[in-house]
């Protein structure tokens, strides 16, 4: 498969993740807590993926017990914990924008971890893209930089947790299909989130709120299962350190949806931030040709 297709898969995943604000806003208004929303998101996705595997190929359920740590990392350590720290970062800093800014320290963690674990090169191209991405996310999020010490730690934990999906996902795609990886990631996310919320109360709210099945199905498929499958598939040919930078298109999509659906306004600073993010992604995908010439019996790269 051409790398451009993998790139588009990751970009599409980020765009679909950018819709989470619409779902979360709707469910919060119905009385769900943040962690109950995470539990529902995980549980519904697990059920959907389980049915999908039963129909497609039951052999896809098979994993080696010694590889369980990979899916615990993807589901619990990444998805569950990053959401837990994200909501706490919002509360401790009393700022959604600050939590978003700190969450997008994830590319820094991925770049460092990928260099150590996968021997990925830290190039000038990646550094420039990373710099533009961070500046862009700060601007898109509103540029609010006030924080408390505990809020800073929670925010950095959010970024680290967010980065872990790319790291564990890189291990997963070396041995398992995208479908298997996504199913087990959310199975362990569901198990973990059970201890972080009141699932019985979530079921009660579901019964009383009148939220229809179509919304829950789209929440599980469009906002979770599909983007995570696309992102995991993209990791097969795109380096983790590049993939996480591409994902930073997510706050741009969220901002655009806020304008179109929630009638929010976007100022010059946020618009400038979007341009920074797109510039970062464009630079990341420029191919630099390395020509080799022969001169006096030596190979010179230029």
C-alpha atoms as a PDB file:
ATOM      1  CA  UNK A   1       0.000   0.000   0.000  1.00  0.00           C
ATOM      2  CA  UNK A   2       1.268   3.459  -0.925  1.00  0.00           C
ATOM      3  CA  UNK A   3       2.442   5.560   2.031  1.00  0.00           C
ATOM      4  CA  UNK A   4       0.169   8.386   0.893  1.00  0.00           C
ATOM      5  CA  UNK A   5      -2.833   6.172   1.638  1.00  0.00           C
ATOM      6  CA  UNK A   6      -1.511   5.550   5.167  1.00  0.00           C
ATOM      7  CA  UNK A   7      -0.987   9.283   5.585  1.00  0.00           C
ATOM      8  CA  UNK A   8      -4.570   9.962   4.522  1.00  0.00           C
ATOM      9  CA  UNK A   9      -5.810   7.276   6.931  1.00  0.00           C
ATOM     10  CA  UNK A  10      -4.122   9.007   9.859  1.00  0.00           C
ATOM     11  CA  UNK A  11      -5.396  12.430   8.777  1.00  0.00           C
ATOM     12  CA  UNK A  12      -8.921  11.006   8.425  1.00  0.00           C
ATOM     13  CA  UNK A  13      -8.664   9.452  11.894  1.00  0.00           C
ATOM     14  CA  UNK A  14      -7.686  12.806  13.382  1.00  0.00           C
ATOM     15  CA  UNK A  15     -10.576  14.501  11.580  1.00  0.00           C
ATOM     16  CA  UNK A  16     -13.056  11.984  13.025  1.00  0.00           C
ATOM     17  CA  UNK A  17     -11.560  12.440  16.509  1.00  0.00           C
ATOM     18  CA  UNK A  18     -12.166  16.145  16.089  1.00  0.00           C
ATOM     19  CA  UNK A  19     -15.890  15.374  16.367  1.00  0.00           C
ATOM     20  CA  UNK A  20     -15.614  14.140  19.993  1.00  0.00           C
ATOM     21  CA  UNK A  21     -16.580  17.566  21.316  1.00  0.00           C
ATOM     22  CA  UNK A  22     -19.996  17.369  19.653  1.00  0.00           C
ATOM     23  CA  UNK A  23     -20.768  13.951  21.148  1.00  0.00           C
ATOM     24  CA  UNK A  24     -19.359  14.814  24.577  1.00  0.00           C
ATOM     25  CA  UNK A  25     -21.313  18.056  24.735  1.00  0.00           C
ATOM     26  CA  UNK A  26     -24.556  16.276  23.885  1.00  0.00           C
ATOM     27  CA  UNK A  27     -24.005  13.424  26.383  1.00  0.00           C
ATOM     28  CA  UNK A  28     -22.857  15.784  29.159  1.00  0.00           C
ATOM     29  CA  UNK A  29     -26.106  17.697  28.767  1.00  0.00           C
ATOM     30  CA  UNK A  30     -27.940  14.409  29.358  1.00  0.00           C
ATOM     31  CA  UNK A  31     -26.220  13.934  32.736  1.00  0.00           C
ATOM     32  CA  UNK A  32     -23.261  11.682  31.969  1.00  0.00           C
ATOM     33  CA  UNK A  33     -19.956  12.377  33.731  1.00  0.00           C
ATOM     34  CA  UNK A  34     -16.764  12.576  31.668  1.00  0.00           C
ATOM     35  CA  UNK A  35     -15.530   9.157  32.794  1.00  0.00           C
ATOM     36  CA  UNK A  36     -18.942   7.597  32.136  1.00  0.00           C
ATOM     37  CA  UNK A  37     -18.695   8.899  28.576  1.00  0.00           C
ATOM     38  CA  UNK A  38     -15.267   7.246  28.277  1.00  0.00           C
ATOM     39  CA  UNK A  39     -16.713   3.995  29.647  1.00  0.00           C
ATOM     40  CA  UNK A  40     -19.613   4.086  27.184  1.00  0.00           C
ATOM     41  CA  UNK A  41     -17.274   4.925  24.321  1.00  0.00           C
ATOM     42  CA  UNK A  42     -15.002   1.991  25.192  1.00  0.00           C
ATOM     43  CA  UNK A  43     -17.769  -0.521  25.907  1.00  0.00           C
ATOM     44  CA  UNK A  44     -19.798   0.280  22.795  1.00  0.00           C
ATOM     45  CA  UNK A  45     -16.688   0.098  20.621  1.00  0.00           C
ATOM     46  CA  UNK A  46     -15.724  -3.266  22.145  1.00  0.00           C
ATOM     47  CA  UNK A  47     -19.187  -4.670  21.424  1.00  0.00           C
ATOM     48  CA  UNK A  48     -19.161  -3.329  17.863  1.00  0.00           C
ATOM     49  CA  UNK A  49     -15.667  -4.670  17.146  1.00  0.00           C
ATOM     50  CA  UNK A  50     -16.545  -8.014  18.749  1.00  0.00           C
ATOM     51  CA  UNK A  51     -19.561  -8.439  16.442  1.00  0.00           C
ATOM     52  CA  UNK A  52     -17.437  -7.314  13.497  1.00  0.00           C
ATOM     53  CA  UNK A  53     -14.771  -9.957  14.212  1.00  0.00           C
ATOM     54  CA  UNK A  54     -17.414 -12.671  14.634  1.00  0.00           C
ATOM     55  CA  UNK A  55     -18.755 -11.878  11.173  1.00  0.00           C
ATOM     56  CA  UNK A  56     -15.421 -11.305   9.435  1.00  0.00           C
ATOM     57  CA  UNK A  57     -13.201 -14.045  10.869  1.00  0.00           C
ATOM     58  CA  UNK A  58     -13.259 -15.550  14.347  1.00  0.00           C
ATOM     59  CA  UNK A  59      -9.552 -16.345  14.055  1.00  0.00           C
ATOM     60  CA  UNK A  60      -8.926 -12.620  14.502  1.00  0.00           C
ATOM     61  CA  UNK A  61      -9.762 -13.041  18.209  1.00  0.00           C
ATOM     62  CA  UNK A  62      -6.630 -15.124  18.676  1.00  0.00           C
ATOM     63  CA  UNK A  63      -3.669 -13.449  20.365  1.00  0.00           C
ATOM     64  CA  UNK A  64      -0.578 -14.692  22.151  1.00  0.00           C
ATOM     65  CA  UNK A  65      -0.996 -14.331  25.916  1.00  0.00           C
ATOM     66  CA  UNK A  66       2.520 -12.895  26.163  1.00  0.00           C
ATOM     67  CA  UNK A  67       1.390  -9.950  24.011  1.00  0.00           C
ATOM     68  CA  UNK A  68      -1.436  -8.864  26.338  1.00  0.00           C
ATOM     69  CA  UNK A  69       0.807  -6.060  27.638  1.00  0.00           C
ATOM     70  CA  UNK A  70       0.581  -4.380  24.213  1.00  0.00           C
ATOM     71  CA  UNK A  71      -3.200  -4.105  24.373  1.00  0.00           C
ATOM     72  CA  UNK A  72      -3.182  -3.127  28.048  1.00  0.00           C
ATOM     73  CA  UNK A  73      -0.861  -0.321  26.978  1.00  0.00           C
ATOM     74  CA  UNK A  74      -3.080   0.752  24.078  1.00  0.00           C
ATOM     75  CA  UNK A  75      -6.351   0.510  25.972  1.00  0.00           C
ATOM     76  CA  UNK A  76      -5.750   1.197  29.643  1.00  0.00           C
ATOM     77  CA  UNK A  77      -2.445   3.083  29.856  1.00  0.00           C
ATOM     78  CA  UNK A  78      -3.148   5.180  26.783  1.00  0.00           C
ATOM     79  CA  UNK A  79      -6.870   5.630  26.113  1.00  0.00           C
ATOM     80  CA  UNK A  80      -8.165   5.372  29.689  1.00  0.00           C
ATOM     81  CA  UNK A  81      -5.392   7.189  31.505  1.00  0.00           C
ATOM     82  CA  UNK A  82      -4.925   9.939  28.975  1.00  0.00           C
ATOM     83  CA  UNK A  83      -8.627  10.779  29.200  1.00  0.00           C
ATOM     84  CA  UNK A  84      -8.510  10.628  33.004  1.00  0.00           C
ATOM     85  CA  UNK A  85      -5.594  13.067  33.191  1.00  0.00           C
ATOM     86  CA  UNK A  86      -7.095  15.252  30.451  1.00  0.00           C
ATOM     87  CA  UNK A  87     -10.287  15.881  32.417  1.00  0.00           C
ATOM     88  CA  UNK A  88      -8.250  16.525  35.567  1.00  0.00           C
ATOM     89  CA  UNK A  89      -6.005  18.948  33.682  1.00  0.00           C
ATOM     90  CA  UNK A  90      -9.120  20.904  32.669  1.00  0.00           C
ATOM     91  CA  UNK A  91     -10.320  20.970  36.283  1.00  0.00           C
ATOM     92  CA  UNK A  92      -6.958  21.821  37.881  1.00  0.00           C
ATOM     93  CA  UNK A  93      -6.128  24.581  35.397  1.00  0.00           C
ATOM     94  CA  UNK A  94      -9.755  25.702  35.098  1.00  0.00           C
ATOM     95  CA  UNK A  95      -9.076  25.877  31.384  1.00  0.00           C
ATOM     96  CA  UNK A  96     -10.037  23.666  28.443  1.00  0.00           C
ATOM     97  CA  UNK A  97      -7.585  25.425  26.141  1.00  0.00           C
ATOM     98  CA  UNK A  98      -4.670  24.856  28.527  1.00  0.00           C
ATOM     99  CA  UNK A  99      -5.482  21.140  28.737  1.00  0.00           C
ATOM    100  CA  UNK A 100      -5.556  20.961  24.924  1.00  0.00           C
ATOM    101  CA  UNK A 101      -2.203  22.720  24.654  1.00  0.00           C
ATOM    102  CA  UNK A 102      -0.572  20.338  27.142  1.00  0.00           C
ATOM    103  CA  UNK A 103      -2.140  17.294  25.452  1.00  0.00           C
ATOM    104  CA  UNK A 104      -0.293  18.207  22.274  1.00  0.00           C
ATOM    105  CA  UNK A 105       3.057  17.764  23.962  1.00  0.00           C
ATOM    106  CA  UNK A 106       2.420  14.151  22.835  1.00  0.00           C
ATOM    107  CA  UNK A 107       4.550  14.495  19.654  1.00  0.00           C
ATOM    108  CA  UNK A 108       7.575  15.335  21.824  1.00  0.00           C
ATOM    109  CA  UNK A 109       7.125  12.146  23.857  1.00  0.00           C
ATOM    110  CA  UNK A 110       6.544  10.049  20.735  1.00  0.00           C
ATOM    111  CA  UNK A 111       9.615  11.438  19.008  1.00  0.00           C
ATOM    112  CA  UNK A 112      11.838  10.651  22.008  1.00  0.00           C
ATOM    113  CA  UNK A 113      10.350   7.198  22.669  1.00  0.00           C
ATOM    114  CA  UNK A 114      10.436   6.277  18.969  1.00  0.00           C
ATOM    115  CA  UNK A 115      14.103   7.214  18.740  1.00  0.00           C
ATOM    116  CA  UNK A 116      14.915   5.005  21.741  1.00  0.00           C
ATOM    117  CA  UNK A 117      12.613   2.054  21.020  1.00  0.00           C
ATOM    118  CA  UNK A 118      12.374   1.961  17.227  1.00  0.00           C
ATOM    119  CA  UNK A 119      15.581   3.786  16.255  1.00  0.00           C
ATOM    120  CA  UNK A 120      13.613   6.405  14.341  1.00  0.00           C
ATOM    121  CA  UNK A 121      15.757   9.356  13.336  1.00  0.00           C
ATOM    122  CA  UNK A 122      15.133  12.761  14.875  1.00  0.00           C
ATOM    123  CA  UNK A 123      15.566  14.891  11.759  1.00  0.00           C
ATOM    124  CA  UNK A 124      15.557  18.626  11.181  1.00  0.00           C
ATOM    125  CA  UNK A 125      12.379  18.150   9.147  1.00  0.00           C
ATOM    126  CA  UNK A 126      10.607  16.537  12.124  1.00  0.00           C
ATOM    127  CA  UNK A 127      11.869  19.195  14.531  1.00  0.00           C
ATOM    128  CA  UNK A 128      10.593  22.032  12.334  1.00  0.00           C
ATOM    129  CA  UNK A 129       7.212  20.289  11.969  1.00  0.00           C
ATOM    130  CA  UNK A 130       7.059  19.675  15.709  1.00  0.00           C
ATOM    131  CA  UNK A 131       7.811  23.322  16.493  1.00  0.00           C
ATOM    132  CA  UNK A 132       5.138  24.574  14.089  1.00  0.00           C
ATOM    133  CA  UNK A 133       2.649  22.022  15.444  1.00  0.00           C
ATOM    134  CA  UNK A 134       3.081  23.088  19.063  1.00  0.00           C
ATOM    135  CA  UNK A 135       2.833  26.784  18.176  1.00  0.00           C
ATOM    136  CA  UNK A 136      -0.203  26.072  16.014  1.00  0.00           C
ATOM    137  CA  UNK A 137      -2.003  24.089  18.736  1.00  0.00           C
ATOM    138  CA  UNK A 138      -1.321  26.854  21.269  1.00  0.00           C
ATOM    139  CA  UNK A 139      -2.818  29.438  18.915  1.00  0.00           C
ATOM    140  CA  UNK A 140      -5.815  27.280  17.930  1.00  0.00           C
ATOM    141  CA  UNK A 141      -6.531  26.616  21.607  1.00  0.00           C
ATOM    142  CA  UNK A 142      -6.640  30.332  22.322  1.00  0.00           C
ATOM    143  CA  UNK A 143      -3.131  30.912  23.625  1.00  0.00           C
ATOM    144  CA  UNK A 144      -4.070  30.676  27.310  1.00  0.00           C
ATOM    145  CA  UNK A 145      -0.892  29.722  29.171  1.00  0.00           C
ATOM    146  CA  UNK A 146      -1.972  30.079  32.817  1.00  0.00           C
ATOM    147  CA  UNK A 147      -1.663  26.885  34.850  1.00  0.00           C
ATOM    148  CA  UNK A 148      -1.155  25.452  38.321  1.00  0.00           C
ATOM    149  CA  UNK A 149       1.741  23.099  39.194  1.00  0.00           C
ATOM    150  CA  UNK A 150      -0.608  20.120  39.570  1.00  0.00           C
ATOM    151  CA  UNK A 151      -2.426  21.189  36.419  1.00  0.00           C
ATOM    152  CA  UNK A 152       0.880  21.200  34.555  1.00  0.00           C
ATOM    153  CA  UNK A 153       1.677  17.669  35.747  1.00  0.00           C
ATOM    154  CA  UNK A 154      -1.797  16.443  34.795  1.00  0.00           C
ATOM    155  CA  UNK A 155      -1.433  18.076  31.379  1.00  0.00           C
ATOM    156  CA  UNK A 156       1.958  16.510  30.741  1.00  0.00           C
ATOM    157  CA  UNK A 157       0.561  13.132  31.874  1.00  0.00           C
ATOM    158  CA  UNK A 158      -2.203  13.674  29.310  1.00  0.00           C
ATOM    159  CA  UNK A 159       0.358  14.233  26.558  1.00  0.00           C
ATOM    160  CA  UNK A 160       2.374  11.205  27.652  1.00  0.00           C
ATOM    161  CA  UNK A 161      -0.731   8.992  27.796  1.00  0.00           C
ATOM    162  CA  UNK A 162      -1.828  10.217  24.372  1.00  0.00           C
ATOM    163  CA  UNK A 163       1.593   9.371  22.964  1.00  0.00           C
ATOM    164  CA  UNK A 164       1.497   5.786  24.231  1.00  0.00           C
ATOM    165  CA  UNK A 165      -1.140   4.676  21.725  1.00  0.00           C
ATOM    166  CA  UNK A 166       1.308   5.357  18.897  1.00  0.00           C
ATOM    167  CA  UNK A 167       4.087   3.490  20.702  1.00  0.00           C
ATOM    168  CA  UNK A 168       2.094   0.403  21.680  1.00  0.00           C
ATOM    169  CA  UNK A 169       0.244   0.537  18.353  1.00  0.00           C
ATOM    170  CA  UNK A 170       3.565   0.280  16.503  1.00  0.00           C
ATOM    171  CA  UNK A 171       4.289  -2.940  18.385  1.00  0.00           C
ATOM    172  CA  UNK A 172       0.764  -4.249  17.688  1.00  0.00           C
ATOM    173  CA  UNK A 173       0.781  -3.797  13.896  1.00  0.00           C
ATOM    174  CA  UNK A 174       3.994  -5.800  13.607  1.00  0.00           C
ATOM    175  CA  UNK A 175       2.102  -8.952  14.588  1.00  0.00           C
ATOM    176  CA  UNK A 176      -1.656  -8.397  14.586  1.00  0.00           C
ATOM    177  CA  UNK A 177      -4.312  -7.056  12.251  1.00  0.00           C
ATOM    178  CA  UNK A 178      -5.810  -3.616  12.704  1.00  0.00           C
ATOM    179  CA  UNK A 179      -9.126  -5.203  13.710  1.00  0.00           C
ATOM    180  CA  UNK A 180      -7.602  -7.429  16.377  1.00  0.00           C
ATOM    181  CA  UNK A 181      -5.569  -4.555  17.803  1.00  0.00           C
ATOM    182  CA  UNK A 182      -8.567  -2.226  17.993  1.00  0.00           C
ATOM    183  CA  UNK A 183     -10.818  -4.846  19.624  1.00  0.00           C
ATOM    184  CA  UNK A 184      -8.384  -5.740  22.396  1.00  0.00           C
ATOM    185  CA  UNK A 185      -7.334  -2.131  22.980  1.00  0.00           C
ATOM    186  CA  UNK A 186     -10.922  -1.178  23.756  1.00  0.00           C
ATOM    187  CA  UNK A 187     -11.615  -4.365  25.678  1.00  0.00           C
ATOM    188  CA  UNK A 188      -8.903  -3.383  28.158  1.00  0.00           C
ATOM    189  CA  UNK A 189     -10.030   0.239  28.040  1.00  0.00           C
ATOM    190  CA  UNK A 190     -13.527  -0.909  29.035  1.00  0.00           C
ATOM    191  CA  UNK A 191     -12.182  -3.027  31.896  1.00  0.00           C
ATOM    192  CA  UNK A 192     -10.036  -0.144  33.135  1.00  0.00           C
ATOM    193  CA  UNK A 193     -12.780   2.468  32.905  1.00  0.00           C
ATOM    194  CA  UNK A 194     -15.115   0.288  34.995  1.00  0.00           C
ATOM    195  CA  UNK A 195     -13.021   1.241  38.022  1.00  0.00           C
ATOM    196  CA  UNK A 196     -12.962   4.933  37.129  1.00  0.00           C
ATOM    197  CA  UNK A 197     -16.696   5.651  36.931  1.00  0.00           C
ATOM    198  CA  UNK A 198     -20.100   4.451  38.103  1.00  0.00           C
ATOM    199  CA  UNK A 199     -21.226   2.161  35.250  1.00  0.00           C
ATOM    200  CA  UNK A 200     -24.560   1.319  36.901  1.00  0.00           C
ATOM    201  CA  UNK A 201     -25.421   5.007  37.068  1.00  0.00           C
ATOM    202  CA  UNK A 202     -24.421   5.343  33.398  1.00  0.00           C
ATOM    203  CA  UNK A 203     -26.873   2.577  32.505  1.00  0.00           C
ATOM    204  CA  UNK A 204     -29.586   4.319  34.552  1.00  0.00           C
ATOM    205  CA  UNK A 205     -28.994   7.629  32.769  1.00  0.00           C
ATOM    206  CA  UNK A 206     -29.115   5.821  29.425  1.00  0.00           C
ATOM    207  CA  UNK A 207     -32.485   4.317  30.295  1.00  0.00           C
ATOM    208  CA  UNK A 208     -33.893   7.649  31.486  1.00  0.00           C
ATOM    209  CA  UNK A 209     -32.325  10.094  29.046  1.00  0.00           C
ATOM    210  CA  UNK A 210     -33.975   8.783  25.903  1.00  0.00           C
ATOM    211  CA  UNK A 211     -30.700   8.890  23.928  1.00  0.00           C
ATOM    212  CA  UNK A 212     -31.398   6.853  20.800  1.00  0.00           C
ATOM    213  CA  UNK A 213     -29.481   3.825  19.584  1.00  0.00           C
ATOM    214  CA  UNK A 214     -28.340   5.578  16.397  1.00  0.00           C
ATOM    215  CA  UNK A 215     -26.383   8.170  18.383  1.00  0.00           C
ATOM    216  CA  UNK A 216     -24.626   5.528  20.485  1.00  0.00           C
ATOM    217  CA  UNK A 217     -23.855   3.500  17.365  1.00  0.00           C
ATOM    218  CA  UNK A 218     -22.352   6.498  15.577  1.00  0.00           C
ATOM    219  CA  UNK A 219     -20.427   7.393  18.749  1.00  0.00           C
ATOM    220  CA  UNK A 220     -18.888   3.902  18.799  1.00  0.00           C
ATOM    221  CA  UNK A 221     -18.286   3.546  15.064  1.00  0.00           C
ATOM    222  CA  UNK A 222     -17.670   7.020  13.614  1.00  0.00           C
ATOM    223  CA  UNK A 223     -15.927   8.620  16.584  1.00  0.00           C
ATOM    224  CA  UNK A 224     -14.019   5.636  17.973  1.00  0.00           C
ATOM    225  CA  UNK A 225     -13.792   2.301  16.128  1.00  0.00           C
ATOM    226  CA  UNK A 226     -13.268   3.718  12.630  1.00  0.00           C
ATOM    227  CA  UNK A 227     -10.675   6.396  13.487  1.00  0.00           C
ATOM    228  CA  UNK A 228      -8.688   4.050  15.735  1.00  0.00           C
ATOM    229  CA  UNK A 229      -8.673   1.391  13.009  1.00  0.00           C
ATOM    230  CA  UNK A 230      -7.547   3.970  10.457  1.00  0.00           C
ATOM    231  CA  UNK A 231      -4.826   5.283  12.755  1.00  0.00           C
ATOM    232  CA  UNK A 232      -3.564   1.822  13.685  1.00  0.00           C
ATOM    233  CA  UNK A 233      -3.510   0.813  10.013  1.00  0.00           C
ATOM    234  CA  UNK A 234      -1.611   3.991   9.194  1.00  0.00           C
ATOM    235  CA  UNK A 235       1.109   3.045  11.671  1.00  0.00           C
ATOM    236  CA  UNK A 236       2.042   0.104   9.446  1.00  0.00           C
ATOM    237  CA  UNK A 237       3.938   2.419   7.093  1.00  0.00           C
ATOM    238  CA  UNK A 238       4.122   5.804   8.812  1.00  0.00           C
ATOM    239  CA  UNK A 239       6.626   6.360  11.618  1.00  0.00           C
ATOM    240  CA  UNK A 240       4.985   6.935  15.006  1.00  0.00           C
ATOM    241  CA  UNK A 241       6.792  10.268  15.375  1.00  0.00           C
ATOM    242  CA  UNK A 242       5.280  11.482  12.082  1.00  0.00           C
ATOM    243  CA  UNK A 243       1.831   9.989  12.690  1.00  0.00           C
ATOM    244  CA  UNK A 244       1.328  11.862  15.964  1.00  0.00           C
ATOM    245  CA  UNK A 245       2.169  15.178  14.300  1.00  0.00           C
ATOM    246  CA  UNK A 246      -0.361  14.497  11.534  1.00  0.00           C
ATOM    247  CA  UNK A 247      -2.935  13.894  14.299  1.00  0.00           C
ATOM    248  CA  UNK A 248      -2.607  17.488  15.382  1.00  0.00           C
ATOM    249  CA  UNK A 249      -5.099  18.366  12.661  1.00  0.00           C
ATOM    250  CA  UNK A 250      -7.679  17.217  15.249  1.00  0.00           C
ATOM    251  CA  UNK A 251      -8.006  20.572  17.118  1.00  0.00           C
ATOM    252  CA  UNK A 252      -8.323  22.319  13.758  1.00  0.00           C
ATOM    253  CA  UNK A 253     -11.256  20.075  12.805  1.00  0.00           C
ATOM    254  CA  UNK A 254     -12.781  20.562  16.270  1.00  0.00           C
ATOM    255  CA  UNK A 255     -12.542  24.344  15.856  1.00  0.00           C
ATOM    256  CA  UNK A 256     -14.110  24.268  12.383  1.00  0.00           C
ATOM    257  CA  UNK A 257     -16.973  22.075  13.647  1.00  0.00           C
ATOM    258  CA  UNK A 258     -17.439  24.465  16.547  1.00  0.00           C
ATOM    259  CA  UNK A 259     -17.974  27.257  14.029  1.00  0.00           C
ATOM    260  CA  UNK A 260     -20.252  25.295  11.690  1.00  0.00           C
ATOM    261  CA  UNK A 261     -22.338  23.373  14.229  1.00  0.00           C
ATOM    262  CA  UNK A 262     -22.106  25.218  17.544  1.00  0.00           C
ATOM    263  CA  UNK A 263     -21.924  28.680  15.926  1.00  0.00           C
ATOM    264  CA  UNK A 264     -18.717  29.554  17.766  1.00  0.00           C
ATOM    265  CA  UNK A 265     -16.496  32.331  16.456  1.00  0.00           C
ATOM    266  CA  UNK A 266     -12.872  32.009  15.343  1.00  0.00           C
ATOM    267  CA  UNK A 267     -10.489  34.903  15.693  1.00  0.00           C
ATOM    268  CA  UNK A 268      -7.363  35.764  13.743  1.00  0.00           C
ATOM    269  CA  UNK A 269      -5.095  33.992  16.256  1.00  0.00           C
ATOM    270  CA  UNK A 270      -6.928  30.676  15.947  1.00  0.00           C
ATOM    271  CA  UNK A 271      -6.983  30.953  12.155  1.00  0.00           C
ATOM    272  CA  UNK A 272      -3.236  31.602  12.185  1.00  0.00           C
ATOM    273  CA  UNK A 273      -2.780  28.539  14.387  1.00  0.00           C
ATOM    274  CA  UNK A 274      -4.594  26.394  11.814  1.00  0.00           C
ATOM    275  CA  UNK A 275      -2.187  27.573   9.137  1.00  0.00           C
ATOM    276  CA  UNK A 276       0.753  26.630  11.364  1.00  0.00           C
ATOM    277  CA  UNK A 277      -0.607  23.100  11.817  1.00  0.00           C
ATOM    278  CA  UNK A 278      -1.199  22.638   8.088  1.00  0.00           C
ATOM    279  CA  UNK A 279       2.261  24.018   7.342  1.00  0.00           C
ATOM    280  CA  UNK A 280       3.767  21.512   9.800  1.00  0.00           C
ATOM    281  CA  UNK A 281       2.007  18.604   8.096  1.00  0.00           C
ATOM    282  CA  UNK A 282       3.032  19.867   4.649  1.00  0.00           C
ATOM    283  CA  UNK A 283       6.691  20.129   5.697  1.00  0.00           C
ATOM    284  CA  UNK A 284       6.524  16.654   7.206  1.00  0.00           C
ATOM    285  CA  UNK A 285       5.568  15.237   3.819  1.00  0.00           C
ATOM    286  CA  UNK A 286       8.162  16.997   1.686  1.00  0.00           C
ATOM    287  CA  UNK A 287      10.582  14.458   0.272  1.00  0.00           C
ATOM    288  CA  UNK A 288      14.216  15.462   0.389  1.00  0.00           C
ATOM    289  CA  UNK A 289      16.217  13.671  -2.264  1.00  0.00           C
ATOM    290  CA  UNK A 290      19.681  12.480  -1.316  1.00  0.00           C
ATOM    291  CA  UNK A 291      21.854  12.246  -4.394  1.00  0.00           C
ATOM    292  CA  UNK A 292      25.040  10.257  -4.370  1.00  0.00           C
ATOM    293  CA  UNK A 293      27.890  11.133  -6.734  1.00  0.00           C
ATOM    294  CA  UNK A 294      31.215   9.492  -7.423  1.00  0.00           C
ATOM    295  CA  UNK A 295      34.260  11.638  -7.143  1.00  0.00           C
ATOM    296  CA  UNK A 296      37.870  10.416  -7.056  1.00  0.00           C
ATOM    297  CA  UNK A 297      36.806   7.000  -5.837  1.00  0.00           C
ATOM    298  CA  UNK A 298      34.811   8.374  -2.868  1.00  0.00           C
ATOM    299  CA  UNK A 299      31.031   8.458  -2.379  1.00  0.00           C
ATOM    300  CA  UNK A 300      29.770  11.918  -1.553  1.00  0.00           C
ATOM    301  CA  UNK A 301      26.183  12.614  -0.502  1.00  0.00           C
ATOM    302  CA  UNK A 302      24.715  15.948  -1.480  1.00  0.00           C
END
